[in-house]
PDB file of N, CA and C in Angstrom:
ATOM      1  N   MET A   1      92.105  14.580 113.327  1.00  0.00           N
ATOM      2  CA  MET A   1      92.640  13.728 112.282  1.00  0.00           C
ATOM      3  C   MET A   1      93.953  14.285 111.730  1.00  0.00           C
ATOM      4  N   ALA A   2      94.050  15.598 111.677  1.00  0.00           N
ATOM      5  CA  ALA A   2      95.285  16.204 111.174  1.00  0.00           C
ATOM      6  C   ALA A   2      96.461  15.865 112.082  1.00  0.00           C
ATOM      7  N   GLY A   3      96.207  15.770 113.391  1.00  0.00           N
ATOM      8  CA  GLY A   3      97.274  15.405 114.324  1.00  0.00           C
ATOM      9  C   GLY A   3      97.829  14.026 114.043  1.00  0.00           C
ATOM     10  N   VAL A   4      96.945  13.107 113.694  1.00  0.00           N
ATOM     11  CA  VAL A   4      97.379  11.749 113.356  1.00  0.00           C
ATOM     12  C   VAL A   4      98.258  11.778 112.110  1.00  0.00           C
ATOM     13  N   GLU A   5      97.826  12.552 111.126  1.00  0.00           N
ATOM     14  CA  GLU A   5      98.608  12.641 109.886  1.00  0.00           C
ATOM     15  C   GLU A   5      99.989  13.239 110.146  1.00  0.00           C
ATOM     16  N   PHE A   6     100.040  14.290 110.963  1.00  0.00           N
ATOM     17  CA  PHE A   6     101.334  14.891 111.283  1.00  0.00           C
ATOM     18  C   PHE A   6     102.201  13.917 112.075  1.00  0.00           C
ATOM     19  N   GLY A   7     101.585  13.174 112.965  1.00  0.00           N
ATOM     20  CA  GLY A   7     102.331  12.174 113.726  1.00  0.00           C
ATOM     21  C   GLY A   7     102.920  11.095 112.829  1.00  0.00           C
ATOM     22  N   LEU A   8     102.120  10.604 111.899  1.00  0.00           N
ATOM     23  CA  LEU A   8     102.615   9.588 110.968  1.00  0.00           C
ATOM     24  C   LEU A   8     103.705  10.143 110.061  1.00  0.00           C
ATOM     25  N   ALA A   9     103.552  11.399 109.673  1.00  0.00           N
ATOM     26  CA  ALA A   9     104.590  12.025 108.850  1.00  0.00           C
ATOM     27  C   ALA A   9     105.903  12.106 109.634  1.00  0.00           C
ATOM     28  N   ALA A  10     105.817  12.455 110.900  1.00  0.00           N
ATOM     29  CA  ALA A  10     107.022  12.533 111.732  1.00  0.00           C
ATOM     30  C   ALA A  10     107.661  11.155 111.898  1.00  0.00           C
ATOM     31  N   LEU A  11     106.841  10.134 112.096  1.00  0.00           N
ATOM     32  CA  LEU A  11     107.377   8.781 112.226  1.00  0.00           C
ATOM     33  C   LEU A  11     108.027   8.314 110.933  1.00  0.00           C
ATOM     34  N   SER A  12     107.435   8.670 109.825  1.00  0.00           N
ATOM     35  CA  SER A  12     108.019   8.324 108.528  1.00  0.00           C
ATOM     36  C   SER A  12     109.345   9.041 108.328  1.00  0.00           C
ATOM     37  N   ALA A  13     109.380  10.280 108.738  1.00  0.00           N
ATOM     38  CA  ALA A  13     110.628  11.037 108.633  1.00  0.00           C
ATOM     39  C   ALA A  13     111.716  10.400 109.487  1.00  0.00           C
ATOM     40  N   ALA A  14     111.340   9.892 110.646  1.00  0.00           N
ATOM     41  CA  ALA A  14     112.312   9.214 111.507  1.00  0.00           C
ATOM     42  C   ALA A  14     112.843   7.949 110.829  1.00  0.00           C
ATOM     43  N   ALA A  15     111.973   7.218 110.154  1.00  0.00           N
ATOM     44  CA  ALA A  15     112.411   6.021 109.424  1.00  0.00           C
ATOM     45  C   ALA A  15     113.375   6.397 108.312  1.00  0.00           C
ATOM     46  N   LEU A  16     113.075   7.481 107.621  1.00  0.00           N
ATOM     47  CA  LEU A  16     113.971   7.951 106.565  1.00  0.00           C
ATOM     48  C   LEU A  16     115.311   8.368 107.157  1.00  0.00           C
ATOM     49  N   ALA A  17     115.279   9.030 108.294  1.00  0.00           N
ATOM     50  CA  ALA A  17     116.520   9.448 108.947  1.00  0.00           C
ATOM     51  C   ALA A  17     117.377   8.242 109.303  1.00  0.00           C
ATOM     52  N   LEU A  18     116.739   7.155 109.735  1.00  0.00           N
ATOM     53  CA  LEU A  18     117.496   5.930 110.025  1.00  0.00           C
ATOM     54  C   LEU A  18     118.221   5.453 108.777  1.00  0.00           C
ATOM     55  N   ALA A  19     117.518   5.457 107.664  1.00  0.00           N
ATOM     56  CA  ALA A  19     118.121   4.990 106.416  1.00  0.00           C
ATOM     57  C   ALA A  19     119.275   5.896 105.988  1.00  0.00           C
ATOM     58  N   LEU A  20     119.079   7.200 106.113  1.00  0.00           N
ATOM     59  CA  LEU A  20     120.108   8.142 105.688  1.00  0.00           C
ATOM     60  C   LEU A  20     121.332   8.123 106.593  1.00  0.00           C
ATOM     61  N   ARG A  21     121.156   7.724 107.822  1.00  0.00           N
ATOM     62  CA  ARG A  21     122.274   7.659 108.762  1.00  0.00           C
ATOM     63  C   ARG A  21     122.947   6.290 108.750  1.00  0.00           C
ATOM     64  N   LYS A  22     122.704   5.537 107.722  1.00  0.00           N
ATOM     65  CA  LYS A  22     123.305   4.203 107.587  1.00  0.00           C
ATOM     66  C   LYS A  22     122.842   3.263 108.698  1.00  0.00           C
ATOM     67  N   ARG A  23     121.622   3.447 109.133  1.00  0.00           N
ATOM     68  CA  ARG A  23     121.025   2.584 110.143  1.00  0.00           C
ATOM     69  C   ARG A  23     119.786   1.898 109.572  1.00  0.00           C
ATOM     70  N   ALA A  24     119.882   1.540 108.321  1.00  0.00           N
ATOM     71  CA  ALA A  24     118.735   0.956 107.628  1.00  0.00           C
ATOM     72  C   ALA A  24     118.281  -0.351 108.263  1.00  0.00           C
ATOM     73  N   GLN A  25     119.160  -1.022 108.988  1.00  0.00           N
ATOM     74  CA  GLN A  25     118.772  -2.286 109.625  1.00  0.00           C
ATOM     75  C   GLN A  25     117.668  -2.081 110.659  1.00  0.00           C
ATOM     76  N   TRP A  26     117.463  -0.847 111.114  1.00  0.00           N
ATOM     77  CA  TRP A  26     116.418  -0.536 112.086  1.00  0.00           C
ATOM     78  C   TRP A  26     115.073  -0.261 111.429  1.00  0.00           C
ATOM     79  N   THR A  27     115.061  -0.051 110.123  1.00  0.00           N
ATOM     80  CA  THR A  27     113.858   0.398 109.434  1.00  0.00           C
ATOM     81  C   THR A  27     112.704  -0.590 109.565  1.00  0.00           C
ATOM     82  N   SER A  28     112.942  -1.875 109.387  1.00  0.00           N
ATOM     83  CA  SER A  28     111.850  -2.853 109.450  1.00  0.00           C
ATOM     84  C   SER A  28     111.231  -2.911 110.844  1.00  0.00           C
ATOM     85  N   SER A  29     112.063  -2.876 111.869  1.00  0.00           N
ATOM     86  CA  SER A  29     111.534  -2.870 113.240  1.00  0.00           C
ATOM     87  C   SER A  29     110.738  -1.594 113.499  1.00  0.00           C
ATOM     88  N   TRP A  30     111.251  -0.479 113.017  1.00  0.00           N
ATOM     89  CA  TRP A  30     110.580   0.803 113.201  1.00  0.00           C
ATOM     90  C   TRP A  30     109.216   0.823 112.526  1.00  0.00           C
ATOM     91  N   ILE A  31     109.169   0.356 111.291  1.00  0.00           N
ATOM     92  CA  ILE A  31     107.900   0.344 110.561  1.00  0.00           C
ATOM     93  C   ILE A  31     106.906  -0.612 111.222  1.00  0.00           C
ATOM     94  N   CYS A  32     107.365  -1.750 111.696  1.00  0.00           N
ATOM     95  CA  CYS A  32     106.486  -2.682 112.410  1.00  0.00           C
ATOM     96  C   CYS A  32     105.929  -2.026 113.663  1.00  0.00           C
ATOM     97  N   LEU A  33     106.752  -1.284 114.366  1.00  0.00           N
ATOM     98  CA  LEU A  33     106.291  -0.558 115.544  1.00  0.00           C
ATOM     99  C   LEU A  33     105.216   0.459 115.169  1.00  0.00           C
ATOM    100  N   ILE A  34     105.442   1.211 114.099  1.00  0.00           N
ATOM    101  CA  ILE A  34     104.468   2.206 113.638  1.00  0.00           C
ATOM    102  C   ILE A  34     103.152   1.523 113.266  1.00  0.00           C
ATOM    103  N   VAL A  35     103.229   0.430 112.541  1.00  0.00           N
ATOM    104  CA  VAL A  35     102.014  -0.284 112.128  1.00  0.00           C
ATOM    105  C   VAL A  35     101.270  -0.798 113.352  1.00  0.00           C
ATOM    106  N   GLY A  36     102.003  -1.324 114.313  1.00  0.00           N
ATOM    107  CA  GLY A  36     101.363  -1.807 115.534  1.00  0.00           C
ATOM    108  C   GLY A  36     100.646  -0.697 116.275  1.00  0.00           C
ATOM    109  N   VAL A  37     101.313   0.424 116.448  1.00  0.00           N
ATOM    110  CA  VAL A  37     100.712   1.553 117.158  1.00  0.00           C
ATOM    111  C   VAL A  37      99.507   2.095 116.395  1.00  0.00           C
ATOM    112  N   HIS A  38      99.558   2.046 115.078  1.00  0.00           N
ATOM    113  CA  HIS A  38      98.455   2.606 114.286  1.00  0.00           C
ATOM    114  C   HIS A  38      97.164   1.803 114.444  1.00  0.00           C
ATOM    115  N   PHE A  39      97.265   0.552 114.916  1.00  0.00           N
ATOM    116  CA  PHE A  39      96.056  -0.245 115.134  1.00  0.00           C
ATOM    117  C   PHE A  39      95.296   0.160 116.403  1.00  0.00           C
ATOM    118  N   VAL A  40      95.934   0.884 117.314  1.00  0.00           N
ATOM    119  CA  VAL A  40      95.264   1.293 118.554  1.00  0.00           C
ATOM    120  C   VAL A  40      94.083   2.229 118.264  1.00  0.00           C
ATOM    121  N   PRO A  41      94.279   3.342 117.527  1.00  0.00           N
ATOM    122  CA  PRO A  41      93.106   4.175 117.231  1.00  0.00           C
ATOM    123  C   PRO A  41      92.094   3.467 116.339  1.00  0.00           C
ATOM    124  N   LEU A  42      92.559   2.574 115.486  1.00  0.00           N
ATOM    125  CA  LEU A  42      91.618   1.827 114.643  1.00  0.00           C
ATOM    126  C   LEU A  42      90.724   0.932 115.494  1.00  0.00           C
ATOM    127  N   ALA A  43      91.277   0.369 116.553  1.00  0.00           N
ATOM    128  CA  ALA A  43      90.475  -0.471 117.453  1.00  0.00           C
ATOM    129  C   ALA A  43      89.356   0.344 118.079  1.00  0.00           C
ATOM    130  N   VAL A  44      89.658   1.586 118.424  1.00  0.00           N
ATOM    131  CA  VAL A  44      88.650   2.462 119.011  1.00  0.00           C
ATOM    132  C   VAL A  44      87.608   2.855 117.968  1.00  0.00           C
ATOM    133  N   ILE A  45      88.078   3.229 116.791  1.00  0.00           N
ATOM    134  CA  ILE A  45      87.164   3.656 115.715  1.00  0.00           C
ATOM    135  C   ILE A  45      86.212   2.530 115.333  1.00  0.00           C
ATOM    136  N   PHE A  46      86.751   1.318 115.172  1.00  0.00           N
ATOM    137  CA  PHE A  46      85.929   0.196 114.724  1.00  0.00           C
ATOM    138  C   PHE A  46      85.275  -0.565 115.885  1.00  0.00           C
ATOM    139  N   GLY A  47      85.633  -0.229 117.101  1.00  0.00           N
ATOM    140  CA  GLY A  47      85.066  -0.928 118.254  1.00  0.00           C
ATOM    141  C   GLY A  47      85.454  -2.395 118.291  1.00  0.00           C
ATOM    142  N   ASP A  48      86.663  -2.704 117.870  1.00  0.00           N
ATOM    143  CA  ASP A  48      87.133  -4.085 117.783  1.00  0.00           C
ATOM    144  C   ASP A  48      88.312  -4.284 118.733  1.00  0.00           C
ATOM    145  N   GLY A  49      88.057  -4.918 119.851  1.00  0.00           N
ATOM    146  CA  GLY A  49      89.092  -5.150 120.846  1.00  0.00           C
ATOM    147  C   GLY A  49      90.247  -6.011 120.362  1.00  0.00           C
ATOM    148  N   TYR A  50      89.984  -6.849 119.377  1.00  0.00           N
ATOM    149  CA  TYR A  50      91.054  -7.702 118.846  1.00  0.00           C
ATOM    150  C   TYR A  50      92.149  -6.884 118.169  1.00  0.00           C
ATOM    151  N   LEU A  51      91.803  -5.699 117.702  1.00  0.00           N
ATOM    152  CA  LEU A  51      92.825  -4.853 117.099  1.00  0.00           C
ATOM    153  C   LEU A  51      93.813  -4.344 118.144  1.00  0.00           C
ATOM    154  N   HIS A  52      93.379  -4.239 119.400  1.00  0.00           N
ATOM    155  CA  HIS A  52      94.319  -3.910 120.481  1.00  0.00           C
ATOM    156  C   HIS A  52      95.316  -5.043 120.660  1.00  0.00           C
ATOM    157  N   VAL A  53      94.825  -6.266 120.571  1.00  0.00           N
ATOM    158  CA  VAL A  53      95.706  -7.429 120.678  1.00  0.00           C
ATOM    159  C   VAL A  53      96.694  -7.436 119.517  1.00  0.00           C
ATOM    160  N   LEU A  54      96.190  -7.195 118.312  1.00  0.00           N
ATOM    161  CA  LEU A  54      97.059  -7.137 117.136  1.00  0.00           C
ATOM    162  C   LEU A  54      98.116  -6.057 117.312  1.00  0.00           C
ATOM    163  N   ALA A  55      97.712  -4.900 117.800  1.00  0.00           N
ATOM    164  CA  ALA A  55      98.663  -3.806 118.032  1.00  0.00           C
ATOM    165  C   ALA A  55      99.756  -4.245 119.001  1.00  0.00           C
ATOM    166  N   ALA A  56      99.363  -4.868 120.093  1.00  0.00           N
ATOM    167  CA  ALA A  56     100.335  -5.310 121.095  1.00  0.00           C
ATOM    168  C   ALA A  56     101.301  -6.340 120.526  1.00  0.00           C
ATOM    169  N   VAL A  57     100.772  -7.276 119.755  1.00  0.00           N
ATOM    170  CA  VAL A  57     101.636  -8.322 119.176  1.00  0.00           C
ATOM    171  C   VAL A  57     102.644  -7.705 118.207  1.00  0.00           C
ATOM    172  N   LEU A  58     102.198  -6.778 117.367  1.00  0.00           N
ATOM    173  CA  LEU A  58     103.113  -6.160 116.404  1.00  0.00           C
ATOM    174  C   LEU A  58     104.176  -5.305 117.096  1.00  0.00           C
ATOM    175  N   VAL A  59     103.800  -4.611 118.155  1.00  0.00           N
ATOM    176  CA  VAL A  59     104.792  -3.846 118.918  1.00  0.00           C
ATOM    177  C   VAL A  59     105.801  -4.799 119.546  1.00  0.00           C
ATOM    178  N   LEU A  60     105.325  -5.919 120.074  1.00  0.00           N
ATOM    179  CA  LEU A  60     106.241  -6.917 120.639  1.00  0.00           C
ATOM    180  C   LEU A  60     107.167  -7.498 119.575  1.00  0.00           C
ATOM    181  N   VAL A  61     106.629  -7.761 118.396  1.00  0.00           N
ATOM    182  CA  VAL A  61     107.466  -8.260 117.297  1.00  0.00           C
ATOM    183  C   VAL A  61     108.586  -7.268 117.009  1.00  0.00           C
ATOM    184  N   ALA A  62     108.240  -5.987 116.949  1.00  0.00           N
ATOM    185  CA  ALA A  62     109.246  -4.965 116.673  1.00  0.00           C
ATOM    186  C   ALA A  62     110.338  -4.966 117.739  1.00  0.00           C
ATOM    187  N   LEU A  63     109.939  -5.029 118.987  1.00  0.00           N
ATOM    188  CA  LEU A  63     110.912  -5.002 120.078  1.00  0.00           C
ATOM    189  C   LEU A  63     111.728  -6.288 120.161  1.00  0.00           C
ATOM    190  N   ILE A  64     111.055  -7.404 120.015  1.00  0.00           N
ATOM    191  CA  ILE A  64     111.746  -8.696 120.098  1.00  0.00           C
ATOM    192  C   ILE A  64     112.711  -8.886 118.929  1.00  0.00           C
ATOM    193  N   SER A  65     112.377  -8.322 117.775  1.00  0.00           N
ATOM    194  CA  SER A  65     113.262  -8.472 116.616  1.00  0.00           C
ATOM    195  C   SER A  65     114.641  -7.883 116.888  1.00  0.00           C
ATOM    196  N   VAL A  66     114.695  -6.816 117.653  1.00  0.00           N
ATOM    197  CA  VAL A  66     115.979  -6.201 117.995  1.00  0.00           C
ATOM    198  C   VAL A  66     116.791  -7.133 118.876  1.00  0.00           C
ATOM    199  N   VAL A  67     116.156  -7.690 119.879  1.00  0.00           N
ATOM    200  CA  VAL A  67     116.854  -8.583 120.820  1.00  0.00           C
ATOM    201  C   VAL A  67     117.324  -9.849 120.105  1.00  0.00           C
ATOM    202  N   VAL A  68     116.430 -10.467 119.351  1.00  0.00           N
ATOM    203  CA  VAL A  68     116.776 -11.712 118.659  1.00  0.00           C
ATOM    204  C   VAL A  68     117.883 -11.471 117.633  1.00  0.00           C
ATOM    205  N   SER A  69     117.801 -10.362 116.933  1.00  0.00           N
ATOM    206  CA  SER A  69     118.830 -10.048 115.939  1.00  0.00           C
ATOM    207  C   SER A  69     120.203  -9.887 116.581  1.00  0.00           C
ATOM    208  N   ARG A  70     120.233  -9.206 117.693  1.00  0.00           N
ATOM    209  CA  ARG A  70     121.513  -9.011 118.382  1.00  0.00           C
ATOM    210  C   ARG A  70     122.094 -10.322 118.895  1.00  0.00           C
ATOM    211  N   ARG A  71     121.236 -11.209 119.346  1.00  0.00           N
ATOM    212  CA  ARG A  71     121.715 -12.479 119.923  1.00  0.00           C
ATOM    213  C   ARG A  71     122.067 -13.516 118.873  1.00  0.00           C
ATOM    214  N   THR A  72     121.364 -13.488 117.736  1.00  0.00           N
ATOM    215  CA  THR A  72     121.561 -14.545 116.741  1.00  0.00           C
ATOM    216  C   THR A  72     122.264 -14.092 115.470  1.00  0.00           C
ATOM    217  N   GLY A  73     122.240 -12.794 115.202  1.00  0.00           N
ATOM    218  CA  GLY A  73     122.827 -12.291 113.963  1.00  0.00           C
ATOM    219  C   GLY A  73     121.885 -12.371 112.772  1.00  0.00           C
ATOM    220  N   ILE A  74     120.674 -12.850 112.994  1.00  0.00           N
ATOM    221  CA  ILE A  74     119.674 -12.885 111.916  1.00  0.00           C
ATOM    222  C   ILE A  74     119.225 -11.453 111.655  1.00  0.00           C
ATOM    223  N   HIS A  75     119.072 -11.102 110.395  1.00  0.00           N
ATOM    224  CA  HIS A  75     118.658  -9.748 110.044  1.00  0.00           C
ATOM    225  C   HIS A  75     117.289  -9.425 110.626  1.00  0.00           C
ATOM    226  N   ARG A  76     117.160  -8.207 111.129  1.00  0.00           N
ATOM    227  CA  ARG A  76     115.887  -7.778 111.712  1.00  0.00           C
ATOM    228  C   ARG A  76     114.753  -7.873 110.706  1.00  0.00           C
ATOM    229  N   SER A  77     115.039  -7.543 109.464  1.00  0.00           N
ATOM    230  CA  SER A  77     113.980  -7.570 108.448  1.00  0.00           C
ATOM    231  C   SER A  77     113.439  -8.984 108.251  1.00  0.00           C
ATOM    232  N   ALA A  78     114.277  -9.987 108.390  1.00  0.00           N
ATOM    233  CA  ALA A  78     113.813 -11.377 108.264  1.00  0.00           C
ATOM    234  C   ALA A  78     112.918 -11.745 109.446  1.00  0.00           C
ATOM    235  N   ILE A  79     113.320 -11.333 110.621  1.00  0.00           N
ATOM    236  CA  ILE A  79     112.534 -11.632 111.824  1.00  0.00           C
ATOM    237  C   ILE A  79     111.192 -10.916 111.762  1.00  0.00           C
ATOM    238  N   VAL A  80     111.232  -9.623 111.452  1.00  0.00           N
ATOM    239  CA  VAL A  80     110.009  -8.821 111.386  1.00  0.00           C
ATOM    240  C   VAL A  80     109.108  -9.315 110.262  1.00  0.00           C
ATOM    241  N   GLY A  81     109.682  -9.551 109.102  1.00  0.00           N
ATOM    242  CA  GLY A  81     108.873  -9.981 107.956  1.00  0.00           C
ATOM    243  C   GLY A  81     108.128 -11.267 108.227  1.00  0.00           C
ATOM    244  N   LEU A  82     108.827 -12.247 108.747  1.00  0.00           N
ATOM    245  CA  LEU A  82     108.195 -13.540 109.035  1.00  0.00           C
ATOM    246  C   LEU A  82     107.179 -13.419 110.167  1.00  0.00           C
ATOM    247  N   SER A  83     107.593 -12.785 111.257  1.00  0.00           N
ATOM    248  CA  SER A  83     106.722 -12.703 112.432  1.00  0.00           C
ATOM    249  C   SER A  83     105.509 -11.803 112.207  1.00  0.00           C
ATOM    250  N   ALA A  84     105.736 -10.603 111.690  1.00  0.00           N
ATOM    251  CA  ALA A  84     104.621  -9.678 111.462  1.00  0.00           C
ATOM    252  C   ALA A  84     103.715 -10.201 110.349  1.00  0.00           C
ATOM    253  N   GLY A  85     104.314 -10.756 109.312  1.00  0.00           N
ATOM    254  CA  GLY A  85     103.514 -11.313 108.222  1.00  0.00           C
ATOM    255  C   GLY A  85     102.612 -12.437 108.704  1.00  0.00           C
ATOM    256  N   ALA A  86     103.174 -13.347 109.489  1.00  0.00           N
ATOM    257  CA  ALA A  86     102.370 -14.455 110.031  1.00  0.00           C
ATOM    258  C   ALA A  86     101.288 -13.934 110.971  1.00  0.00           C
ATOM    259  N   THR A  87     101.628 -12.953 111.779  1.00  0.00           N
ATOM    260  CA  THR A  87     100.656 -12.376 112.708  1.00  0.00           C
ATOM    261  C   THR A  87      99.493 -11.735 111.959  1.00  0.00           C
ATOM    262  N   LEU A  88      99.809 -10.904 110.980  1.00  0.00           N
ATOM    263  CA  LEU A  88      98.758 -10.244 110.202  1.00  0.00           C
ATOM    264  C   LEU A  88      97.908 -11.261 109.451  1.00  0.00           C
ATOM    265  N   TRP A  89      98.541 -12.290 108.916  1.00  0.00           N
ATOM    266  CA  TRP A  89      97.808 -13.326 108.186  1.00  0.00           C
ATOM    267  C   TRP A  89      96.857 -14.058 109.126  1.00  0.00           C
ATOM    268  N   LEU A  90      97.339 -14.435 110.308  1.00  0.00           N
ATOM    269  CA  LEU A  90      96.493 -15.148 111.265  1.00  0.00           C
ATOM    270  C   LEU A  90      95.324 -14.285 111.739  1.00  0.00           C
ATOM    271  N   PHE A  91      95.573 -13.020 111.988  1.00  0.00           N
ATOM    272  CA  PHE A  91      94.484 -12.137 112.397  1.00  0.00           C
ATOM    273  C   PHE A  91      93.488 -11.936 111.254  1.00  0.00           C
ATOM    274  N   ALA A  92      93.959 -11.886 110.027  1.00  0.00           N
ATOM    275  CA  ALA A  92      93.060 -11.745 108.885  1.00  0.00           C
ATOM    276  C   ALA A  92      92.171 -12.985 108.748  1.00  0.00           C
ATOM    277  N   ILE A  93      92.763 -14.158 108.854  1.00  0.00           N
ATOM    278  CA  ILE A  93      92.001 -15.397 108.785  1.00  0.00           C
ATOM    279  C   ILE A  93      90.988 -15.459 109.932  1.00  0.00           C
ATOM    280  N   SER A  94      91.422 -15.119 111.125  1.00  0.00           N
ATOM    281  CA  SER A  94      90.530 -15.111 112.285  1.00  0.00           C
ATOM    282  C   SER A  94      89.366 -14.149 112.084  1.00  0.00           C
ATOM    283  N   SER A  95      89.643 -12.965 111.575  1.00  0.00           N
ATOM    284  CA  SER A  95      88.578 -11.990 111.322  1.00  0.00           C
ATOM    285  C   SER A  95      87.615 -12.479 110.255  1.00  0.00           C
ATOM    286  N   ALA A  96      88.147 -13.078 109.211  1.00  0.00           N
ATOM    287  CA  ALA A  96      87.281 -13.601 108.142  1.00  0.00           C
ATOM    288  C   ALA A  96      86.381 -14.706 108.679  1.00  0.00           C
ATOM    289  N   LEU A  97      86.943 -15.603 109.466  1.00  0.00           N
ATOM    290  CA  LEU A  97      86.126 -16.679 110.047  1.00  0.00           C
ATOM    291  C   LEU A  97      85.071 -16.137 110.997  1.00  0.00           C
ATOM    292  N   SER A  98      85.432 -15.097 111.733  1.00  0.00           N
ATOM    293  CA  SER A  98      84.483 -14.472 112.651  1.00  0.00           C
ATOM    294  C   SER A  98      83.310 -13.854 111.903  1.00  0.00           C
ATOM    295  N   VAL A  99      83.594 -13.218 110.781  1.00  0.00           N
ATOM    296  CA  VAL A  99      82.529 -12.605 109.976  1.00  0.00           C
ATOM    297  C   VAL A  99      81.673 -13.684 109.333  1.00  0.00           C
ATOM    298  N   LEU A 100      82.296 -14.729 108.808  1.00  0.00           N
ATOM    299  CA  LEU A 100      81.560 -15.775 108.107  1.00  0.00           C
ATOM    300  C   LEU A 100      80.711 -16.639 109.041  1.00  0.00           C
ATOM    301  N   PHE A 101      81.264 -16.940 110.228  1.00  0.00           N
ATOM    302  CA  PHE A 101      80.581 -17.884 111.101  1.00  0.00           C
ATOM    303  C   PHE A 101      80.124 -17.290 112.420  1.00  0.00           C
ATOM    304  N   GLY A 102      80.205 -15.964 112.520  1.00  0.00           N
ATOM    305  CA  GLY A 102      79.670 -15.240 113.656  1.00  0.00           C
ATOM    306  C   GLY A 102      80.349 -15.513 114.913  1.00  0.00           C
TER     307      GLY A 102
END
């Protein structure tokens, strides 16, 4: 467990370094990537395969946000916020329905 904490601390430090180097536009994509990756061990811990799907979708959102931003000029944070927010909301609703209706 300590390894996970040190890993997350290092990833957080990398996000801070982006901000300090005047590369703050990368921060939202970076954090989305971290959140996506963090669902992989949670899927194993909870035995929930859908969390692997959620992890993959969030990692894709992070990567796609860079490409879309470069092509359209839309801020990465807008792309990540809308896409990751909608993804998390849909997975939350799906999980709630699964618990309620089996």
